[in-house]
Amino acid sequence: MLDLSRNRVLTVALEVTDDASRKAAIEDAAIEDMHLVFETNYFGSVSMIQYALPYLR
């Protein structure tokens, strides 16, 4: 892995293939938190695309 610490970039190791960690994340999260994450990740992306598309045409 590259040493990104000199550029003030924090790297974090994630285990996304572990079934137990994925299930625990969903089971332990409140529905309000999931709603905020979805709103940020989905609608945030849609808003940025809608903003940028007229300039990209």
C-alpha atoms as a PDB file:
ATOM      1  CA  MET A   1       0.000   0.000   0.000  1.00  0.00           C
ATOM      2  CA  LEU A   2       1.206   3.511  -0.739  1.00  0.00           C
ATOM      3  CA  ASP A   3       2.400   5.695   2.104  1.00  0.00           C
ATOM      4  CA  LEU A   4      -0.131   8.520   1.982  1.00  0.00           C
ATOM      5  CA  SER A   5       0.557   9.872   5.472  1.00  0.00           C
ATOM      6  CA  ARG A   6       2.859  12.601   4.159  1.00  0.00           C
ATOM      7  CA  ASN A   7      -0.095  13.938   2.142  1.00  0.00           C
ATOM      8  CA  ARG A   8      -2.271  13.924   5.280  1.00  0.00           C
ATOM      9  CA  VAL A   9      -4.455  11.120   3.967  1.00  0.00           C
ATOM     10  CA  LEU A  10      -5.760   8.647   6.529  1.00  0.00           C
ATOM     11  CA  THR A  11      -6.093   5.121   5.200  1.00  0.00           C
ATOM     12  CA  VAL A  12      -8.328   2.598   6.945  1.00  0.00           C
ATOM     13  CA  ALA A  13      -8.358  -1.144   6.361  1.00  0.00           C
ATOM     14  CA  LEU A  14     -11.853  -2.464   5.748  1.00  0.00           C
ATOM     15  CA  GLU A  15     -13.014  -6.064   5.674  1.00  0.00           C
ATOM     16  CA  VAL A  16     -15.948  -6.001   3.271  1.00  0.00           C
ATOM     17  CA  THR A  17     -15.913  -9.727   2.596  1.00  0.00           C
ATOM     18  CA  ASP A  18     -16.742 -10.712   6.183  1.00  0.00           C
ATOM     19  CA  ASP A  19     -20.438 -11.654   6.265  1.00  0.00           C
ATOM     20  CA  ALA A  20     -20.726 -11.117  10.024  1.00  0.00           C
ATOM     21  CA  SER A  21     -19.508  -7.524   9.869  1.00  0.00           C
ATOM     22  CA  ARG A  22     -21.912  -6.645   7.060  1.00  0.00           C
ATOM     23  CA  LYS A  23     -24.906  -8.175   8.842  1.00  0.00           C
ATOM     24  CA  ALA A  24     -24.027  -6.510  12.144  1.00  0.00           C
ATOM     25  CA  ALA A  25     -23.829  -3.105  10.494  1.00  0.00           C
ATOM     26  CA  ILE A  26     -27.353  -3.398   9.128  1.00  0.00           C
ATOM     27  CA  GLU A  27     -28.853  -5.003  12.220  1.00  0.00           C
ATOM     28  CA  ASP A  28     -27.419  -2.421  14.616  1.00  0.00           C
ATOM     29  CA  ALA A  29     -28.216   0.706  12.617  1.00  0.00           C
ATOM     30  CA  ALA A  30     -31.261   2.813  13.337  1.00  0.00           C
ATOM     31  CA  ILE A  31     -33.650   3.368  10.444  1.00  0.00           C
ATOM     32  CA  GLU A  32     -33.137   7.143  10.755  1.00  0.00           C
ATOM     33  CA  ASP A  33     -29.381   6.674  10.293  1.00  0.00           C
ATOM     34  CA  MET A  34     -29.933   4.471   7.249  1.00  0.00           C
ATOM     35  CA  HIS A  35     -32.273   7.102   5.829  1.00  0.00           C
ATOM     36  CA  LEU A  36     -29.633   9.826   6.237  1.00  0.00           C
ATOM     37  CA  VAL A  37     -26.950   7.681   4.616  1.00  0.00           C
ATOM     38  CA  PHE A  38     -29.222   6.838   1.680  1.00  0.00           C
ATOM     39  CA  GLU A  39     -30.237  10.468   1.336  1.00  0.00           C
ATOM     40  CA  THR A  40     -26.613  11.566   1.250  1.00  0.00           C
ATOM     41  CA  ASN A  41     -25.284   8.838  -1.045  1.00  0.00           C
ATOM     42  CA  TYR A  42     -28.193   8.642  -3.487  1.00  0.00           C
ATOM     43  CA  PHE A  43     -29.834  12.047  -3.572  1.00  0.00           C
ATOM     44  CA  GLY A  44     -26.502  13.817  -3.146  1.00  0.00           C
ATOM     45  CA  SER A  45     -25.197  12.099  -6.258  1.00  0.00           C
ATOM     46  CA  VAL A  46     -28.398  12.801  -8.195  1.00  0.00           C
ATOM     47  CA  SER A  47     -28.246  16.489  -7.218  1.00  0.00           C
ATOM     48  CA  MET A  48     -24.633  16.815  -8.342  1.00  0.00           C
ATOM     49  CA  ILE A  49     -25.383  15.096 -11.666  1.00  0.00           C
ATOM     50  CA  GLN A  50     -28.364  17.384 -12.267  1.00  0.00           C
ATOM     51  CA  TYR A  51     -26.195  20.410 -11.495  1.00  0.00           C
ATOM     52  CA  ALA A  52     -23.299  19.325 -13.726  1.00  0.00           C
ATOM     53  CA  LEU A  53     -25.181  17.954 -16.751  1.00  0.00           C
ATOM     54  CA  PRO A  54     -26.043  21.317 -18.372  1.00  0.00           C
ATOM     55  CA  TYR A  55     -22.328  22.238 -18.337  1.00  0.00           C
ATOM     56  CA  LEU A  56     -21.304  18.892 -19.817  1.00  0.00           C
ATOM     57  CA  ARG A  57     -23.615  19.044 -22.801  1.00  0.00           C
END
